[in-house]
Amino acid sequence: MTHTNVRVGLSLRGPKRIPRISKTPGTRSGAALVELAVCLVPFFAVIFCTLELCETIYTRQSALVVAYEGVRMKSIKNCPTERAKSICEQMMRDRRMVNASIEFRFPDGEQTGRIFEVHVNCRAQNLRLPYSLADRNLSVARFGVLQ
């Protein structure tokens, strides 16, 4: 009894493939290295720019928190200006704000019911890269009423 699917000289898996012999073996490994180099440069650029942007946002938010705290200390608790300034400077040191300064301005004098301003100036800089896109001054001002 013979099967019609079986032929003499052929295997059931089909004809055997002859391996291709390349004249230049290993040429694809160089292409993979070039592709890796081309893709890694923009990838790391995006990562470092994201880190710098996040640090700038953190510094700005820290300046806002310090300004709000200065307004709160001066208006609600009615503490002396030097005391409120020293508390805000301590907050700036705790948040590692570089070259930060705070200034209380009283345009109409330091009297009850008058508007005052709290200005926070700081430098947003990143030490991860030699040239930083976020290397600039940040200034924040908030207003309050003396009570």
Protein backbone atom coordinates (compact mmCIF):
# COMPACT_ATOMS: atom_id res chain seq x y z
CA MET A 1 0.00 0.00 0.00
CA THR A 2 1.43 3.29 -1.03
CA HIS A 3 0.47 6.77 0.03
CA THR A 4 0.03 9.43 -2.57
CA ASN A 5 1.59 12.13 -0.36
CA VAL A 6 4.92 10.37 -0.02
CA ARG A 7 7.33 10.68 -2.87
CA VAL A 8 10.65 9.14 -3.20
CA GLY A 9 13.55 11.46 -2.39
CA LEU A 10 11.54 14.25 -0.67
CA SER A 11 10.94 14.65 3.02
CA LEU A 12 7.61 15.53 4.55
CA ARG A 13 8.93 18.97 5.59
CA GLY A 14 9.64 20.03 2.07
CA PRO A 15 12.86 20.50 0.19
CA LYS A 16 15.93 21.32 2.24
CA ARG A 17 17.10 24.89 2.00
CA ILE A 18 20.65 25.61 1.13
CA PRO A 19 22.13 28.26 3.42
CA ARG A 20 23.09 31.43 1.64
CA ILE A 21 26.74 32.22 1.77
CA SER A 22 27.28 35.97 1.93
CA LYS A 23 30.38 37.56 0.51
CA THR A 24 30.47 40.12 3.35
CA PRO A 25 29.39 38.46 6.60
CA GLY A 26 28.31 40.67 9.54
CA THR A 27 27.33 43.80 7.62
CA ARG A 28 24.01 44.11 9.49
CA SER A 29 25.70 44.45 12.88
CA GLY A 30 27.22 47.77 11.78
CA ALA A 31 23.83 49.03 10.65
CA ALA A 32 22.33 48.17 14.01
CA LEU A 33 25.05 50.15 15.77
CA VAL A 34 24.42 53.19 13.60
CA GLU A 35 20.67 52.95 14.21
CA LEU A 36 21.32 52.74 17.95
CA ALA A 37 23.53 55.84 17.89
CA VAL A 38 21.00 57.80 15.85
CA CYS A 39 18.12 56.88 18.18
CA LEU A 40 19.92 57.38 21.50
CA VAL A 41 20.92 61.01 20.92
CA PRO A 42 17.36 62.38 20.62
CA PHE A 43 16.17 60.05 23.36
CA PHE A 44 18.69 61.40 25.88
CA ALA A 45 18.05 64.97 24.71
CA VAL A 46 14.35 64.57 25.47
CA ILE A 47 15.10 63.07 28.89
CA PHE A 48 17.49 65.85 29.92
CA CYS A 49 15.19 68.60 28.63
CA THR A 50 12.32 67.06 30.59
CA LEU A 51 14.43 67.03 33.76
CA GLU A 52 15.37 70.68 33.27
CA LEU A 53 11.78 71.68 32.66
CA CYS A 54 10.65 69.85 35.80
CA GLU A 55 13.34 71.56 37.85
CA THR A 56 12.26 74.97 36.53
CA ILE A 57 8.64 74.23 37.41
CA TYR A 58 9.70 73.07 40.88
CA THR A 59 11.71 76.26 41.45
CA ARG A 60 8.81 78.46 40.33
CA GLN A 61 6.37 76.60 42.56
CA SER A 62 8.80 76.90 45.47
CA ALA A 63 8.98 80.66 44.90
CA LEU A 64 5.18 80.83 44.91
CA VAL A 65 4.98 78.88 48.17
CA VAL A 66 7.52 81.20 49.80
CA ALA A 67 5.63 84.28 48.60
CA TYR A 68 2.31 82.91 49.87
CA GLU A 69 3.89 82.10 53.22
CA GLY A 70 5.31 85.63 53.43
CA VAL A 71 1.87 87.10 52.75
CA ARG A 72 0.29 84.78 55.29
CA MET A 73 2.84 85.54 58.00
CA LYS A 74 2.62 89.29 57.50
CA SER A 75 -1.15 89.65 57.07
CA ILE A 76 -2.74 86.98 59.27
CA LYS A 77 -0.26 86.67 62.09
CA ASN A 78 0.85 90.32 61.83
CA CYS A 79 4.43 89.49 62.75
CA PRO A 80 7.30 91.96 62.24
CA THR A 81 8.69 92.22 58.71
CA GLU A 82 12.15 90.96 59.68
CA ARG A 83 10.68 87.88 61.34
CA ALA A 84 8.53 87.04 58.28
CA LYS A 85 11.54 87.62 56.03
CA SER A 86 13.77 85.29 58.09
CA ILE A 87 11.11 82.54 58.00
CA CYS A 88 10.79 82.87 54.23
CA GLU A 89 14.58 82.82 53.79
CA GLN A 90 14.72 79.62 55.84
CA MET A 91 12.08 78.09 53.54
CA MET A 92 14.16 79.08 50.52
CA ARG A 93 17.22 77.39 51.99
CA ASP A 94 15.20 74.25 52.76
CA ARG A 95 14.02 74.09 49.16
CA ARG A 96 17.57 74.68 47.84
CA MET A 97 16.66 77.78 45.90
CA VAL A 98 19.81 79.28 44.34
CA ASN A 99 20.54 83.00 44.82
CA ALA A 100 17.04 83.62 46.14
CA SER A 101 15.93 86.86 47.75
CA ILE A 102 12.69 88.09 49.24
CA GLU A 103 11.46 91.64 49.55
CA PHE A 104 8.44 93.10 51.35
CA ARG A 105 7.13 96.34 49.81
CA PHE A 106 4.68 98.67 51.50
CA PRO A 107 3.61 101.31 48.94
CA ASP A 108 1.19 103.11 51.31
CA GLY A 109 3.13 102.50 54.51
CA GLU A 110 2.98 99.67 57.02
CA GLN A 111 -0.48 100.35 58.46
CA THR A 112 -3.54 98.22 59.09
CA GLY A 113 -5.80 97.85 56.04
CA ARG A 114 -3.06 98.74 53.53
CA ILE A 115 -1.96 96.58 50.60
CA PHE A 116 1.58 95.23 50.55
CA GLU A 117 3.63 93.14 48.12
CA VAL A 118 5.94 90.21 48.60
CA HIS A 119 8.52 89.72 45.81
CA VAL A 120 10.60 86.55 45.53
CA ASN A 121 13.49 86.47 43.05
CA CYS A 122 15.51 83.35 42.40
CA ARG A 123 17.65 81.75 39.76
CA ALA A 124 16.43 78.62 38.01
CA GLN A 125 19.51 76.70 37.02
CA ASN A 126 20.34 73.11 36.36
CA LEU A 127 23.76 71.67 37.09
CA ARG A 128 23.29 68.49 35.02
CA LEU A 129 24.35 70.08 31.75
CA PRO A 130 27.02 72.71 31.05
CA TYR A 131 24.51 74.84 29.15
CA SER A 132 21.01 74.90 30.52
CA LEU A 133 17.88 76.10 28.77
CA ALA A 134 16.37 76.87 32.17
CA ASP A 135 19.24 79.09 33.34
CA ARG A 136 17.31 82.29 33.96
CA ASN A 137 15.83 84.48 36.66
CA LEU A 138 12.39 83.80 38.09
CA SER A 139 10.40 86.51 39.80
CA VAL A 140 7.15 86.03 41.69
CA ALA A 141 5.01 88.68 43.38
CA ARG A 142 2.01 88.25 45.65
CA PHE A 143 -0.18 90.85 47.32
CA GLY A 144 -1.78 90.94 50.75
CA VAL A 145 -3.61 93.30 53.09
CA LEU A 146 -2.30 94.13 56.54
CA GLN A 147 -4.77 93.32 59.28
